[in-house]
Amino acid sequence: MKRVLSGVQPTGDIHVGNYVGAMMHFVELQEEHECYFCIVDLHALTVPQDPVELRNKTYELAGIYLAIGLDPQKSTLFVQSQVSAHAELAWLLSCIAYYGELSRMTQFKDKSKGKENVSVGLFTYPALMAADILLYQANYVPVGNDQKQHLELTRDLAERFNNRFGETFVVPEPLIAEVGARIMSLTDPTKKMSKSDEDENGRINLLDSPDVVKKKIMRATTDSESVIRYDVENKPGLSNLLSLYSVMSGMSITDIEKKYEGSGYGTLKKDLVDVVNERLRVIQEKYYGLSREELERILREGRERAEVLAAKTLKDVKEKMGLAMF
């Protein structure tokens, strides 16, 4: 089977935009691919983090991975920082990366803009991401638009290393979901639903209570019309709700439009509350049924499997670069 690798940072709250845009597809991928899914806590350190919060969010994300349907018998789940080869390969790759190409990364420009002090880690973040991928000789990497540039750099570094030291790394390909809704903010449908949005009403978190979900959906931005029609340009708020309804229910947007023909936005929103809460109920029941001991056992077993492959790749890299091995 082809190998897939992806990771999620244990920061903020995982919301339905994360779920629909990426994590839901992880569950499908594990059926036909050899999958490695990690909690990328080292990446989280590129900006200041509260240590207690970071640790708790690591466990929370592990629980969500399992609750959405990732199977530790089919996928390898682990915490990035517990496999030391990630940090070591990141240094080795940073030594063949160029300052110019790292300085051109748009995500670094965006996150550092206007800040007086920016960590070196934020600058070298793409080298660590490349190490995450290349360690496991991943064939495919699920990516969104914000990470495409980083994957291109990963491919460049893999080819540069292979040309300089001999065939070593698989050059990964981006994996773009064929069908996938982009869920926007409930309060500003022109912007993507985001962990970092200061307005909590803009996102629905996977662990939100039914009452909180209801409040957020009923207050969601729509428009002054009453016609239920998918029209992103003229009705972005309503179109966003229709996308959310479709992906959470399995109904096509056309069928939803027909179902609510002649109905008002209030009726659509009330039904959407039920649709979303039912999907989240299943996830939350699984999540709250997991113990910390079970999470640690699964992550420990995942780390052990990941270390075998990571160590093999790292040994090959070090030997080819001329580092003493004894």
Protein backbone atom coordinates (compact mmCIF):
# COMPACT_ATOMS: atom_id res chain seq x y z
CA MET A 1 0.00 0.00 0.00
CA LYS A 2 1.03 3.60 -0.56
CA ARG A 3 2.01 5.49 2.58
CA VAL A 4 0.25 8.64 3.85
CA LEU A 5 1.43 11.03 6.55
CA SER A 6 -0.34 13.97 8.13
CA GLY A 7 -0.26 15.86 11.39
CA VAL A 8 -2.37 18.27 13.40
CA GLN A 9 -1.14 20.77 15.98
CA PRO A 10 -2.47 20.31 19.54
CA THR A 11 -3.47 23.96 19.86
CA GLY A 12 -6.83 25.65 20.02
CA ASP A 13 -10.09 23.73 19.64
CA ILE A 14 -10.65 21.27 16.81
CA HIS A 15 -13.72 22.50 14.94
CA VAL A 16 -16.00 21.20 12.20
CA GLY A 17 -13.92 23.04 9.60
CA ASN A 18 -10.86 20.98 10.61
CA TYR A 19 -13.00 17.85 10.64
CA VAL A 20 -14.64 18.40 7.25
CA GLY A 21 -11.58 19.82 5.54
CA ALA A 22 -9.05 17.21 6.62
CA MET A 23 -9.68 14.85 9.51
CA MET A 24 -12.80 13.23 8.12
CA HIS A 25 -10.75 12.16 5.11
CA PHE A 26 -8.11 10.57 7.37
CA VAL A 27 -10.70 7.92 8.28
CA GLU A 28 -11.25 7.10 4.61
CA LEU A 29 -7.52 7.04 3.82
CA GLN A 30 -6.73 4.39 6.44
CA GLU A 31 -8.85 1.85 4.56
CA GLU A 32 -6.61 1.81 1.49
CA HIS A 33 -3.27 3.24 2.63
CA GLU A 34 -0.60 2.72 5.25
CA CYS A 35 -1.25 5.79 7.38
CA TYR A 36 0.84 7.68 9.92
CA PHE A 37 -1.01 10.42 11.79
CA CYS A 38 0.92 12.45 14.32
CA ILE A 39 0.24 15.13 16.87
CA VAL A 40 2.77 17.77 15.85
CA ASP A 41 3.53 19.33 19.22
CA LEU A 42 7.01 20.50 18.16
CA HIS A 43 5.40 22.71 15.53
CA ALA A 44 3.22 24.23 18.22
CA LEU A 45 6.33 25.55 19.98
CA THR A 46 7.12 28.01 17.17
CA VAL A 47 4.93 30.45 19.12
CA PRO A 48 4.62 30.71 22.94
CA GLN A 49 2.51 27.98 24.56
CA ASP A 50 1.31 27.37 28.09
CA PRO A 51 2.96 24.04 29.08
CA VAL A 52 -0.06 22.67 30.96
CA GLU A 53 -2.44 23.65 28.16
CA LEU A 54 -0.19 22.14 25.49
CA ARG A 55 0.01 18.82 27.34
CA ASN A 56 -3.76 18.70 27.88
CA LYS A 57 -4.45 19.58 24.25
CA THR A 58 -2.13 16.75 23.17
CA TYR A 59 -4.29 14.23 25.01
CA GLU A 60 -7.44 15.92 23.72
CA LEU A 61 -6.32 15.67 20.11
CA ALA A 62 -5.36 12.02 20.57
CA GLY A 63 -8.87 11.36 21.87
CA ILE A 64 -10.44 13.20 18.94
CA TYR A 65 -8.34 11.21 16.47
CA LEU A 66 -9.83 8.02 17.90
CA ALA A 67 -13.33 9.42 18.35
CA ILE A 68 -13.70 10.41 14.69
CA GLY A 69 -12.86 6.85 13.66
CA LEU A 70 -9.11 6.44 13.33
CA ASP A 71 -8.28 2.83 14.15
CA PRO A 72 -4.90 2.19 15.84
CA GLN A 73 -4.90 -1.25 14.22
CA LYS A 74 -5.03 0.37 10.78
CA SER A 75 -3.21 3.66 11.38
CA THR A 76 -0.12 4.58 13.37
CA LEU A 77 -0.97 7.36 15.84
CA PHE A 78 1.85 9.05 17.75
CA VAL A 79 3.19 12.27 19.25
CA GLN A 80 5.86 13.96 17.13
CA SER A 81 8.15 14.98 20.02
CA GLN A 82 8.37 11.40 21.28
CA VAL A 83 10.20 10.33 18.12
CA SER A 84 13.50 12.19 18.39
CA ALA A 85 14.39 11.51 14.75
CA HIS A 86 12.02 14.33 13.73
CA ALA A 87 14.17 17.00 15.37
CA GLU A 88 17.42 15.40 14.23
CA LEU A 89 16.41 15.10 10.58
CA ALA A 90 15.03 18.64 10.68
CA TRP A 91 18.52 19.91 11.53
CA LEU A 92 20.13 17.85 8.77
CA LEU A 93 17.61 19.13 6.21
CA SER A 94 18.02 22.72 7.39
CA CYS A 95 21.68 22.36 6.44
CA ILE A 96 20.76 21.78 2.80
CA ALA A 97 17.87 24.26 2.77
CA TYR A 98 18.58 27.80 1.60
CA TYR A 99 17.88 30.95 3.56
CA GLY A 100 16.24 32.52 0.53
CA GLU A 101 13.68 29.77 0.02
CA LEU A 102 12.73 29.73 3.70
CA SER A 103 12.37 33.51 3.77
CA ARG A 104 9.92 33.30 0.85
CA MET A 105 7.46 31.12 2.75
CA THR A 106 4.22 33.11 2.85
CA GLN A 107 3.08 31.55 6.13
CA PHE A 108 6.23 32.82 7.87
CA LYS A 109 5.63 36.28 6.42
CA ASP A 110 2.01 36.26 7.60
CA LYS A 111 2.70 35.00 11.12
CA SER A 112 5.73 37.23 11.71
CA LYS A 113 4.24 40.41 10.28
CA GLY A 114 4.17 43.24 12.79
CA LYS A 115 5.88 41.24 15.55
CA GLU A 116 8.97 42.61 17.24
CA ASN A 117 10.33 39.20 18.23
CA VAL A 118 9.92 36.11 16.05
CA SER A 119 11.38 32.72 16.93
CA VAL A 120 13.94 31.03 14.70
CA GLY A 121 11.68 27.99 14.99
CA LEU A 122 8.93 29.80 13.11
CA PHE A 123 11.41 30.51 10.33
CA THR A 124 12.68 26.91 10.12
CA TYR A 125 9.21 25.38 10.58
CA PRO A 126 9.15 24.13 6.94
CA ALA A 127 12.35 22.10 7.48
CA LEU A 128 10.71 20.33 10.42
CA MET A 129 7.60 19.69 8.35
CA ALA A 130 9.81 18.23 5.61
CA ALA A 131 11.46 15.96 8.19
CA ASP A 132 8.05 14.76 9.41
CA ILE A 133 7.16 13.67 5.89
CA LEU A 134 10.47 12.35 4.60
CA LEU A 135 11.25 10.29 7.71
CA TYR A 136 8.39 7.95 6.83
CA GLN A 137 8.99 7.91 3.08
CA ALA A 138 5.43 9.12 2.59
CA ASN A 139 4.00 8.84 -0.90
CA TYR A 140 1.13 11.21 -0.21
CA VAL A 141 0.48 14.14 2.11
CA PRO A 142 -3.03 15.57 2.55
CA VAL A 143 -2.61 19.33 2.33
CA GLY A 144 -4.72 22.46 2.29
CA ASN A 145 -3.91 25.63 0.41
CA ASP A 146 -1.96 27.03 3.38
CA GLN A 147 0.50 24.12 3.31
CA LYS A 148 1.03 23.63 -0.44
CA GLN A 149 4.10 25.85 -0.47
CA HIS A 150 5.66 23.90 2.39
CA LEU A 151 5.07 20.61 0.58
CA GLU A 152 6.73 22.03 -2.53
CA LEU A 153 9.76 22.86 -0.38
CA THR A 154 9.70 19.30 1.01
CA ARG A 155 9.77 17.95 -2.53
CA ASP A 156 12.65 20.30 -3.43
CA LEU A 157 14.66 19.20 -0.39
CA ALA A 158 14.05 15.52 -1.13
CA GLU A 159 15.19 15.91 -4.74
CA ARG A 160 18.17 18.04 -3.71
CA PHE A 161 19.29 15.43 -1.19
CA ASN A 162 18.77 12.57 -3.65
CA ASN A 163 20.79 14.37 -6.32
CA ARG A 164 23.59 15.24 -3.93
CA PHE A 165 23.87 12.05 -1.90
CA GLY A 166 22.07 9.35 -3.89
CA GLU A 167 18.52 8.06 -3.90
CA THR A 168 17.26 8.26 -0.32
CA PHE A 169 13.85 9.88 -0.04
CA VAL A 170 10.52 9.23 -1.68
CA VAL A 171 9.41 12.51 -3.25
CA PRO A 172 5.91 13.01 -1.81
CA GLU A 173 2.83 14.02 -3.76
CA PRO A 174 0.06 16.29 -2.45
CA LEU A 175 -3.23 14.56 -1.77
CA ILE A 176 -6.19 16.82 -2.46
CA ALA A 177 -9.63 15.51 -1.56
CA GLU A 178 -11.75 15.19 -4.71
CA VAL A 179 -14.86 16.33 -2.91
CA GLY A 180 -14.74 18.48 0.16
CA ALA A 181 -16.63 21.45 1.45
CA ARG A 182 -14.76 24.43 2.79
CA ILE A 183 -16.55 25.48 5.94
CA MET A 184 -16.42 29.20 6.61
CA SER A 185 -16.86 31.28 9.74
CA LEU A 186 -20.45 31.43 10.97
CA THR A 187 -20.07 35.12 11.78
CA ASP A 188 -18.00 36.16 8.76
CA PRO A 189 -18.63 33.73 5.88
CA THR A 190 -15.97 35.41 3.74
CA LYS A 191 -13.27 33.92 6.01
CA LYS A 192 -12.41 30.28 6.69
CA MET A 193 -13.54 28.82 10.01
CA SER A 194 -10.43 29.09 12.18
CA LYS A 195 -9.02 28.04 15.55
CA SER A 196 -7.48 31.48 15.91
CA ASP A 197 -10.69 33.44 15.33
CA GLU A 198 -11.20 35.66 18.37
CA ASP A 199 -14.97 35.36 17.91
CA GLU A 200 -15.83 31.93 19.32
CA ASN A 201 -19.27 32.11 17.70
CA GLY A 202 -17.57 31.83 14.33
CA ARG A 203 -16.73 28.16 14.79
CA ILE A 204 -18.39 24.97 16.01
CA ASN A 205 -15.94 22.88 18.02
CA LEU A 206 -16.19 19.09 17.97
CA LEU A 207 -16.58 19.08 21.75
CA ASP A 208 -19.17 21.88 21.95
CA SER A 209 -22.31 21.01 23.94
CA PRO A 210 -25.66 20.75 22.09
CA ASP A 211 -26.83 24.06 23.60
CA VAL A 212 -23.67 25.86 22.45
CA VAL A 213 -24.04 24.42 18.94
CA LYS A 214 -27.65 25.59 18.84
CA LYS A 215 -26.73 29.11 19.93
CA LYS A 216 -23.97 29.42 17.33
CA ILE A 217 -26.03 28.12 14.41
CA MET A 218 -29.14 30.13 15.23
CA ARG A 219 -26.99 33.29 15.36
CA ALA A 220 -25.11 32.47 12.16
CA THR A 221 -24.91 35.23 9.57
CA THR A 222 -27.23 34.84 6.56
CA ASP A 223 -28.83 37.64 4.49
CA SER A 224 -32.00 39.72 4.22
CA GLU A 225 -33.70 37.40 1.73
CA SER A 226 -35.70 34.32 2.63
CA VAL A 227 -35.03 32.13 -0.42
CA ILE A 228 -32.93 29.04 0.35
CA ARG A 229 -30.51 28.87 -2.55
CA TYR A 230 -26.83 27.98 -2.80
CA ASP A 231 -25.10 31.10 -4.10
CA VAL A 232 -21.64 31.70 -2.64
CA GLU A 233 -21.19 35.11 -4.26
CA ASN A 234 -24.51 36.67 -3.29
CA LYS A 235 -25.50 34.52 -0.28
CA PRO A 236 -22.21 33.45 1.36
CA GLY A 237 -23.66 32.93 4.85
CA LEU A 238 -26.57 30.77 3.72
CA SER A 239 -24.35 28.88 1.28
CA ASN A 240 -21.99 28.10 4.14
CA LEU A 241 -24.84 26.65 6.19
CA LEU A 242 -25.95 24.55 3.21
CA SER A 243 -22.40 23.21 2.82
CA LEU A 244 -22.29 22.31 6.50
CA TYR A 245 -25.71 20.64 6.31
CA SER A 246 -24.63 18.65 3.25
CA VAL A 247 -21.37 17.32 4.63
CA MET A 248 -22.79 16.50 8.06
CA SER A 249 -25.94 14.78 6.73
CA GLY A 250 -24.73 13.20 3.48
CA MET A 251 -27.48 14.94 1.49
CA SER A 252 -26.59 16.82 -1.67
CA ILE A 253 -27.01 20.58 -1.63
CA THR A 254 -29.56 20.27 -4.45
CA ASP A 255 -31.69 17.91 -2.34
CA ILE A 256 -31.44 20.26 0.65
CA GLU A 257 -32.59 23.19 -1.51
CA LYS A 258 -35.60 21.15 -2.64
CA LYS A 259 -36.40 20.04 0.91
CA TYR A 260 -36.56 23.62 2.17
CA GLU A 261 -38.17 25.22 -0.87
CA GLY A 262 -40.68 27.71 0.48
CA SER A 263 -39.32 27.47 4.03
CA GLY A 264 -37.57 30.20 5.95
CA TYR A 265 -34.02 30.37 7.25
CA GLY A 266 -35.23 29.66 10.79
CA THR A 267 -36.53 26.21 9.81
CA LEU A 268 -33.29 25.37 8.03
CA LYS A 269 -31.21 26.48 11.00
CA LYS A 270 -33.27 24.48 13.51
CA ASP A 271 -32.88 21.32 11.44
CA LEU A 272 -29.18 22.01 10.93
CA VAL A 273 -28.77 22.16 14.72
CA ASP A 274 -30.16 18.61 14.95
CA VAL A 275 -28.01 17.35 12.07
CA VAL A 276 -24.78 18.76 13.54
CA ASN A 277 -25.54 17.69 17.11
CA GLU A 278 -26.28 14.14 16.01
CA ARG A 279 -22.92 13.87 14.24
CA LEU A 280 -21.12 15.41 17.22
CA ARG A 281 -23.01 13.17 19.68
CA VAL A 282 -21.44 10.06 18.14
CA ILE A 283 -17.97 11.62 18.24
CA GLN A 284 -18.34 12.90 21.80
CA GLU A 285 -19.64 9.57 23.14
CA LYS A 286 -16.49 7.87 21.87
CA TYR A 287 -14.26 10.71 23.07
CA TYR A 288 -15.55 10.77 26.64
CA GLY A 289 -15.41 6.98 26.83
CA LEU A 290 -11.61 6.99 26.47
CA SER A 291 -9.33 6.98 29.52
CA ARG A 292 -5.95 8.69 29.69
CA GLU A 293 -4.35 5.29 30.28
CA GLU A 294 -5.84 3.97 27.05
CA LEU A 295 -4.69 7.03 25.12
CA GLU A 296 -1.15 6.65 26.47
CA ARG A 297 -1.09 2.95 25.56
CA ILE A 298 -2.18 3.64 21.98
CA LEU A 299 0.28 6.54 21.57
CA ARG A 300 3.11 4.48 23.07
CA GLU A 301 2.45 1.61 20.66
CA GLY A 302 2.24 4.10 17.79
CA ARG A 303 5.54 5.67 18.81
CA GLU A 304 7.23 2.28 18.83
CA ARG A 305 6.03 1.53 15.29
CA ALA A 306 6.96 5.00 14.06
CA GLU A 307 10.44 4.80 15.59
CA VAL A 308 11.31 1.67 13.60
CA LEU A 309 10.74 3.36 10.25
CA ALA A 310 12.11 6.74 11.35
CA ALA A 311 15.33 5.22 12.68
CA LYS A 312 15.92 3.36 9.42
CA THR A 313 15.57 6.53 7.35
CA LEU A 314 17.69 8.62 9.71
CA LYS A 315 20.51 6.05 9.72
CA ASP A 316 20.57 6.05 5.93
CA VAL A 317 20.65 9.87 5.81
CA LYS A 318 23.48 10.17 8.34
CA GLU A 319 25.60 7.57 6.60
CA LYS A 320 25.19 9.28 3.22
CA MET A 321 26.04 12.68 4.67
CA GLY A 322 29.29 11.31 6.05
CA LEU A 323 28.48 11.35 9.75
CA ALA A 324 30.45 8.80 11.78
CA MET A 325 28.36 5.73 12.60
CA PHE A 326 29.65 3.29 15.21
